[in-house]
């Protein structure tokens, strides 16, 4: 087996690896035809591999591509934590179980040289919970698990949201609210992967989430941000982004990549934010499917989603690897 850098002028060499990928993110979305699922996955990998900033390695066996791994830099994460960080965008191999493991192990080993050359200190990787060959290869190469995410969806064409009474006022976020949201962030998300990784500072994690909210608020063409109030006091917020690339490919609109937080004493505020987000006149134009993600051990949101009849569609582990002292 030989491992080489992908020639970006000949991306077609990886096409056989993209067919019938068993861990497609959209395989449990009933609104997606199989051809759409395959198209969306394949196009994402092609676009990623074509980017100048992405490093892609391909494993060849007797001249045939049998595996691929990509590594993309994380500028925002790197800025917030003060050292170079990157993520594995895909790790794919074809063959029997033993061959898959061997190929993926070789590709991960090959990334070490790339990281050394580019001074990358920290790597992350999201893996479908059914993709055991990738999970075992990452464990062998000293990656450690930092969270497990579950995804539930509201499908506008299939699902009905019950009429609910709420004690909270929900409105669009305004510029004057941002500092309040930033203070709320400092006591939220403490169970997320950034805070569970001993190599990442709490200060950096605070900074990252604050920038996430500020960036979403500023990008009103693609993002929506709502706040929950009790009287005149902000007790929570929710923000998300529409998936424009997916809409271009297959015409299905998805709104997701959401981030939300409420103060612990504001019982029912999160439920009110969900309801108003789904019904909001601007956001409702942006989606056919509304995605909700959280850590699997964040039981309260999951309980609410289940109570409302949202459908579970995906679960993924997040792995990190710390390569050296920054």
Protein backbone atom coordinates (compact mmCIF):
# COMPACT_ATOMS: atom_id res chain seq x y z
CA UNK A 1 0.00 0.00 0.00
CA UNK A 2 1.24 3.48 -0.93
CA UNK A 3 0.01 6.72 0.61
CA UNK A 4 0.27 9.89 -1.48
CA UNK A 5 -1.00 13.45 -1.40
CA UNK A 6 -4.07 13.88 -3.59
CA UNK A 7 -3.40 15.56 -6.92
CA UNK A 8 -6.07 18.28 -6.86
CA UNK A 9 -6.11 18.26 -10.66
CA UNK A 10 -7.33 14.65 -10.61
CA UNK A 11 -9.94 14.45 -7.86
CA UNK A 12 -11.81 11.84 -9.91
CA UNK A 13 -9.38 9.23 -8.54
CA UNK A 14 -11.34 9.20 -5.26
CA UNK A 15 -14.78 8.70 -6.87
CA UNK A 16 -14.97 4.93 -6.18
CA UNK A 17 -14.53 5.67 -2.46
CA UNK A 18 -17.60 7.90 -2.37
CA UNK A 19 -20.12 5.39 -3.72
CA UNK A 20 -22.55 3.78 -1.27
CA UNK A 21 -20.75 5.13 1.79
CA UNK A 22 -22.45 3.30 4.69
CA UNK A 23 -22.22 6.12 7.26
CA UNK A 24 -23.79 8.94 5.24
CA UNK A 25 -25.02 11.69 7.58
CA UNK A 26 -28.43 11.76 5.91
CA UNK A 27 -29.16 8.05 5.64
CA UNK A 28 -31.97 8.22 8.24
CA UNK A 29 -33.66 11.32 6.83
CA UNK A 30 -36.91 10.01 5.37
CA UNK A 31 -37.30 13.08 3.12
CA UNK A 32 -34.02 12.31 1.33
CA UNK A 33 -33.98 10.00 -1.64
CA UNK A 34 -30.92 7.74 -1.72
CA UNK A 35 -29.56 9.53 -4.77
CA UNK A 36 -29.76 12.84 -2.89
CA UNK A 37 -27.97 11.40 0.15
CA UNK A 38 -25.18 10.03 -2.03
CA UNK A 39 -24.91 13.25 -4.02
CA UNK A 40 -24.69 15.44 -0.92
CA UNK A 41 -22.01 13.28 0.68
CA UNK A 42 -19.92 12.92 -2.47
CA UNK A 43 -20.10 16.62 -3.28
CA UNK A 44 -19.01 17.59 0.24
CA UNK A 45 -15.93 15.36 0.02
CA UNK A 46 -15.07 16.59 -3.49
CA UNK A 47 -15.35 20.26 -2.48
CA UNK A 48 -13.30 19.67 0.64
CA UNK A 49 -10.57 17.82 -1.28
CA UNK A 50 -10.38 20.61 -3.87
CA UNK A 51 -9.71 23.37 -1.32
CA UNK A 52 -6.12 24.61 -1.29
CA UNK A 53 -6.03 24.76 2.51
CA UNK A 54 -7.16 21.13 2.93
CA UNK A 55 -4.54 18.38 3.00
CA UNK A 56 -5.81 15.10 1.53
CA UNK A 57 -3.98 11.77 1.56
CA UNK A 58 -4.99 8.81 -0.60
CA UNK A 59 -4.06 5.17 -0.04
CA UNK A 60 -3.38 3.15 -3.21
CA UNK A 61 -3.22 -0.62 -3.59
CA UNK A 62 -1.98 -1.86 -6.97
CA UNK A 63 -2.82 1.53 -8.49
CA UNK A 64 -6.38 1.64 -7.14
CA UNK A 65 -7.52 4.20 -4.55
CA UNK A 66 -8.64 2.27 -1.45
CA UNK A 67 -8.70 4.98 1.21
CA UNK A 68 -8.77 8.71 1.83
CA UNK A 69 -8.26 11.06 4.77
CA UNK A 70 -8.56 14.86 4.77
CA UNK A 71 -7.32 17.44 7.24
CA UNK A 72 -8.68 21.00 7.37
CA UNK A 73 -7.43 23.85 9.51
CA UNK A 74 -9.69 25.50 12.10
CA UNK A 75 -8.87 29.22 12.00
CA UNK A 76 -11.45 30.29 14.62
CA UNK A 77 -10.51 27.53 17.07
CA UNK A 78 -6.81 28.27 16.54
CA UNK A 79 -7.34 31.96 17.21
CA UNK A 80 -9.32 31.34 20.40
CA UNK A 81 -6.98 28.75 21.93
CA UNK A 82 -3.69 30.21 20.74
CA UNK A 83 -2.22 27.28 18.78
CA UNK A 84 -2.85 25.57 15.44
CA UNK A 85 -5.86 23.25 15.40
CA UNK A 86 -7.33 21.14 12.60
CA UNK A 87 -10.07 18.57 12.01
CA UNK A 88 -10.29 15.33 10.07
CA UNK A 89 -13.07 15.88 7.54
CA UNK A 90 -13.29 12.28 6.32
CA UNK A 91 -11.59 8.94 6.86
CA UNK A 92 -12.79 6.31 4.37
CA UNK A 93 -11.48 2.91 3.31
CA UNK A 94 -12.89 0.05 1.27
CA UNK A 95 -12.32 -3.65 1.78
CA UNK A 96 -13.01 -6.27 4.44
CA UNK A 97 -12.81 -5.42 8.15
CA UNK A 98 -9.10 -6.11 8.49
CA UNK A 99 -8.27 -4.22 5.30
CA UNK A 100 -10.31 -1.20 6.40
CA UNK A 101 -8.49 -1.04 9.69
CA UNK A 102 -5.06 -1.38 8.07
CA UNK A 103 -5.77 1.29 5.45
CA UNK A 104 -7.21 3.77 7.92
CA UNK A 105 -4.35 3.17 10.34
CA UNK A 106 -1.87 3.92 7.56
CA UNK A 107 -3.70 7.10 6.60
CA UNK A 108 -3.80 8.37 10.19
CA UNK A 109 -0.09 7.64 10.53
CA UNK A 110 0.48 9.59 7.32
CA UNK A 111 -1.24 12.62 8.83
CA UNK A 112 1.44 12.82 11.52
CA UNK A 113 3.94 14.09 8.96
CA UNK A 114 1.47 16.67 7.67
CA UNK A 115 0.81 17.93 11.20
CA UNK A 116 4.52 18.06 11.96
CA UNK A 117 5.24 20.07 8.81
CA UNK A 118 2.43 22.55 9.50
CA UNK A 119 2.84 22.87 13.26
CA UNK A 120 -0.62 21.52 14.10
CA UNK A 121 -0.93 20.79 17.81
CA UNK A 122 -4.51 19.57 18.14
CA UNK A 123 -6.74 17.43 15.91
CA UNK A 124 -10.45 16.65 16.20
CA UNK A 125 -12.59 14.11 14.38
CA UNK A 126 -16.33 13.34 14.34
CA UNK A 127 -17.24 9.68 13.75
CA UNK A 128 -20.57 7.96 13.26
CA UNK A 129 -21.18 5.73 16.28
CA UNK A 130 -21.61 2.72 13.94
CA UNK A 131 -18.24 3.23 12.24
CA UNK A 132 -16.25 0.89 14.48
CA UNK A 133 -13.20 0.53 12.26
CA UNK A 134 -12.59 4.29 12.44
CA UNK A 135 -13.28 4.37 16.17
CA UNK A 136 -10.78 1.59 16.82
CA UNK A 137 -8.13 3.14 14.57
CA UNK A 138 -8.44 6.49 16.37
CA UNK A 139 -8.16 4.79 19.75
CA UNK A 140 -5.04 2.94 18.59
CA UNK A 141 -3.52 6.25 17.52
CA UNK A 142 -4.12 7.90 20.93
CA UNK A 143 -7.21 9.92 20.12
CA UNK A 144 -9.52 10.29 23.13
CA UNK A 145 -13.30 10.71 23.17
CA UNK A 146 -14.63 14.10 24.31
CA UNK A 147 -18.35 13.84 23.63
CA UNK A 148 -21.12 11.99 21.80
CA UNK A 149 -23.62 14.08 19.86
CA UNK A 150 -27.18 13.07 19.02
CA UNK A 151 -29.27 14.76 16.32
CA UNK A 152 -33.07 15.03 16.29
CA UNK A 153 -35.09 16.69 13.54
CA UNK A 154 -38.37 18.49 13.00
CA UNK A 155 -39.65 17.84 9.47
CA UNK A 156 -42.03 20.61 8.42
CA UNK A 157 -43.90 18.36 5.99
CA UNK A 158 -44.35 15.42 8.37
CA UNK A 159 -44.35 16.74 11.92
CA UNK A 160 -46.79 18.88 13.87
CA UNK A 161 -45.72 20.99 16.79
CA UNK A 162 -48.29 21.07 19.64
CA UNK A 163 -49.84 24.36 20.74
CA UNK A 164 -48.10 25.37 23.95
CA UNK A 165 -48.53 28.15 26.46
CA UNK A 166 -45.42 29.92 27.64
CA UNK A 167 -44.51 32.44 30.31
CA UNK A 168 -41.66 33.81 28.23
CA UNK A 169 -41.41 36.44 25.54
CA UNK A 170 -39.35 35.37 22.51
CA UNK A 171 -37.97 38.00 20.15
CA UNK A 172 -35.13 38.50 17.63
CA UNK A 173 -31.75 39.30 19.15
CA UNK A 174 -30.60 42.93 19.05
CA UNK A 175 -27.10 44.38 19.19
CA UNK A 176 -27.63 45.57 22.76
CA UNK A 177 -28.31 41.96 23.85
CA UNK A 178 -24.94 40.51 22.85
CA UNK A 179 -23.06 41.36 26.04
CA UNK A 180 -25.82 39.73 28.09
CA UNK A 181 -25.60 36.60 25.94
CA UNK A 182 -21.83 36.53 26.44
CA UNK A 183 -22.28 36.58 30.21
CA UNK A 184 -24.78 33.74 29.91
CA UNK A 185 -22.27 31.74 27.83
CA UNK A 186 -19.71 31.79 30.64
CA UNK A 187 -21.99 29.55 32.73
CA UNK A 188 -23.17 27.34 29.87
CA UNK A 189 -21.77 24.53 27.67
CA UNK A 190 -19.50 23.28 30.47
CA UNK A 191 -20.23 19.67 29.48
CA UNK A 192 -19.19 20.20 25.84
CA UNK A 193 -16.02 18.82 24.28
CA UNK A 194 -14.01 22.02 24.58
CA UNK A 195 -14.38 22.04 28.36
CA UNK A 196 -13.82 18.27 28.69
CA UNK A 197 -10.41 18.43 26.99
CA UNK A 198 -7.73 19.19 29.58
CA UNK A 199 -5.49 20.64 26.86
CA UNK A 200 -7.98 23.40 26.02
CA UNK A 201 -8.38 26.41 28.29
CA UNK A 202 -11.71 27.49 29.74
CA UNK A 203 -10.91 31.05 28.63
CA UNK A 204 -10.44 29.85 25.04
CA UNK A 205 -13.72 27.92 25.12
CA UNK A 206 -15.58 30.99 26.43
CA UNK A 207 -14.04 33.06 23.64
CA UNK A 208 -15.00 30.52 20.96
CA UNK A 209 -18.68 30.37 21.96
CA UNK A 210 -18.89 34.15 22.25
CA UNK A 211 -17.49 34.54 18.73
CA UNK A 212 -19.94 31.89 17.50
CA UNK A 213 -22.87 33.97 18.77
CA UNK A 214 -21.44 37.28 17.53
CA UNK A 215 -20.71 35.87 14.07
CA UNK A 216 -24.21 34.40 13.76
CA UNK A 217 -25.81 37.63 14.87
CA UNK A 218 -23.80 39.57 12.28
CA UNK A 219 -24.71 37.17 9.44
CA UNK A 220 -28.43 37.91 9.26
CA UNK A 221 -28.69 36.60 5.69
CA UNK A 222 -27.90 33.05 6.79
CA UNK A 223 -28.44 32.95 10.55
CA UNK A 224 -31.23 33.54 13.02
CA UNK A 225 -30.82 34.40 16.71
CA UNK A 226 -33.67 34.65 19.21
CA UNK A 227 -33.67 35.58 22.90
CA UNK A 228 -36.07 34.53 25.67
CA UNK A 229 -37.16 37.13 28.21
CA UNK A 230 -38.93 36.97 31.54
CA UNK A 231 -40.15 40.48 32.12
CA UNK A 232 -37.24 42.56 30.87
CA UNK A 233 -34.59 39.99 31.82
CA UNK A 234 -32.95 37.82 29.17
CA UNK A 235 -32.98 34.21 30.39
CA UNK A 236 -31.89 32.35 27.27
CA UNK A 237 -31.05 32.41 23.58
CA UNK A 238 -30.94 30.19 20.52
CA UNK A 239 -29.03 30.67 17.28
CA UNK A 240 -28.58 28.61 14.11
CA UNK A 241 -27.62 28.68 10.45
CA UNK A 242 -29.17 27.56 7.17
CA UNK A 243 -27.37 24.98 5.03
CA UNK A 244 -27.09 26.72 1.68
CA UNK A 245 -24.89 24.10 0.02
CA UNK A 246 -27.42 21.35 0.66
CA UNK A 247 -30.24 23.44 -0.77
CA UNK A 248 -28.25 24.07 -3.95
CA UNK A 249 -27.58 20.36 -4.40
CA UNK A 250 -31.00 18.82 -3.85
CA UNK A 251 -33.43 21.62 -3.06
CA UNK A 252 -33.98 20.55 0.56
CA UNK A 253 -33.56 23.32 3.09
CA UNK A 254 -32.03 22.50 6.47
CA UNK A 255 -31.60 24.89 9.38
CA UNK A 256 -29.22 23.68 12.08
CA UNK A 257 -25.75 24.06 13.62
CA UNK A 258 -27.72 25.46 16.52
CA UNK A 259 -26.40 26.79 19.81
CA UNK A 260 -28.72 27.56 22.73
CA UNK A 261 -28.55 28.20 26.45
CA UNK A 262 -30.93 29.17 29.24
CA UNK A 263 -30.39 30.07 32.89
CA UNK A 264 -31.14 27.06 35.12
CA UNK A 265 -34.00 28.79 36.94
CA UNK A 266 -35.89 29.60 33.70
CA UNK A 267 -38.00 26.45 33.51
CA UNK A 268 -39.76 26.19 30.17
CA UNK A 269 -37.61 28.82 28.45
CA UNK A 270 -35.85 26.30 26.21
CA UNK A 271 -39.17 24.81 25.12
CA UNK A 272 -40.43 28.31 24.29
CA UNK A 273 -37.29 29.00 22.23
CA UNK A 274 -37.82 25.79 20.23
CA UNK A 275 -41.44 26.62 19.54
CA UNK A 276 -40.77 30.20 18.45
CA UNK A 277 -37.73 29.19 16.38
CA UNK A 278 -39.83 26.71 14.42
CA UNK A 279 -42.61 29.27 13.95
CA UNK A 280 -40.47 32.39 13.37
CA UNK A 281 -41.50 34.07 10.12
CA UNK A 282 -37.90 34.49 8.91
CA UNK A 283 -36.46 31.16 10.04
CA UNK A 284 -39.47 29.18 8.77
CA UNK A 285 -38.61 30.29 5.22
CA UNK A 286 -35.14 28.77 5.59
CA UNK A 287 -35.99 25.17 6.35
CA UNK A 288 -37.86 22.06 5.42
CA UNK A 289 -35.99 20.25 8.20
CA UNK A 290 -34.87 21.80 11.50
CA UNK A 291 -31.90 19.99 13.11
CA UNK A 292 -31.24 19.90 16.84
CA UNK A 293 -27.93 18.60 18.24
CA UNK A 294 -26.70 18.07 21.78
CA UNK A 295 -24.47 15.83 23.88
CA UNK A 296 -26.04 12.47 24.61
CA UNK A 297 -25.75 13.10 28.35
CA UNK A 298 -27.57 16.44 28.11
CA UNK A 299 -30.79 14.75 29.14
CA UNK A 300 -33.21 17.67 29.47
CA UNK A 301 -33.18 18.80 25.80
CA UNK A 302 -33.36 15.17 24.63
CA UNK A 303 -36.34 14.55 26.91
CA UNK A 304 -38.10 17.64 25.49
CA UNK A 305 -37.40 16.59 21.88
CA UNK A 306 -38.78 13.14 22.53
CA UNK A 307 -41.87 14.57 24.22
CA UNK A 308 -42.48 16.78 21.18
CA UNK A 309 -42.17 13.81 18.81
CA UNK A 310 -38.95 14.87 17.08
CA UNK A 311 -37.12 12.05 15.27
CA UNK A 312 -33.60 10.82 16.16
CA UNK A 313 -31.53 10.54 12.99
CA UNK A 314 -27.83 10.57 13.84
CA UNK A 315 -25.26 9.98 16.59
CA UNK A 316 -21.55 10.77 16.42
CA UNK A 317 -18.56 10.52 18.73
CA UNK A 318 -16.06 13.40 18.84
CA UNK A 319 -12.41 12.47 19.28
CA UNK A 320 -9.50 14.79 20.02
CA UNK A 321 -5.77 14.27 19.85
CA UNK A 322 -3.13 16.44 21.50
CA UNK A 323 0.10 16.10 19.55
CA UNK A 324 2.60 18.16 21.54
CA UNK A 325 2.97 21.03 23.94
CA UNK A 326 1.93 24.34 22.40
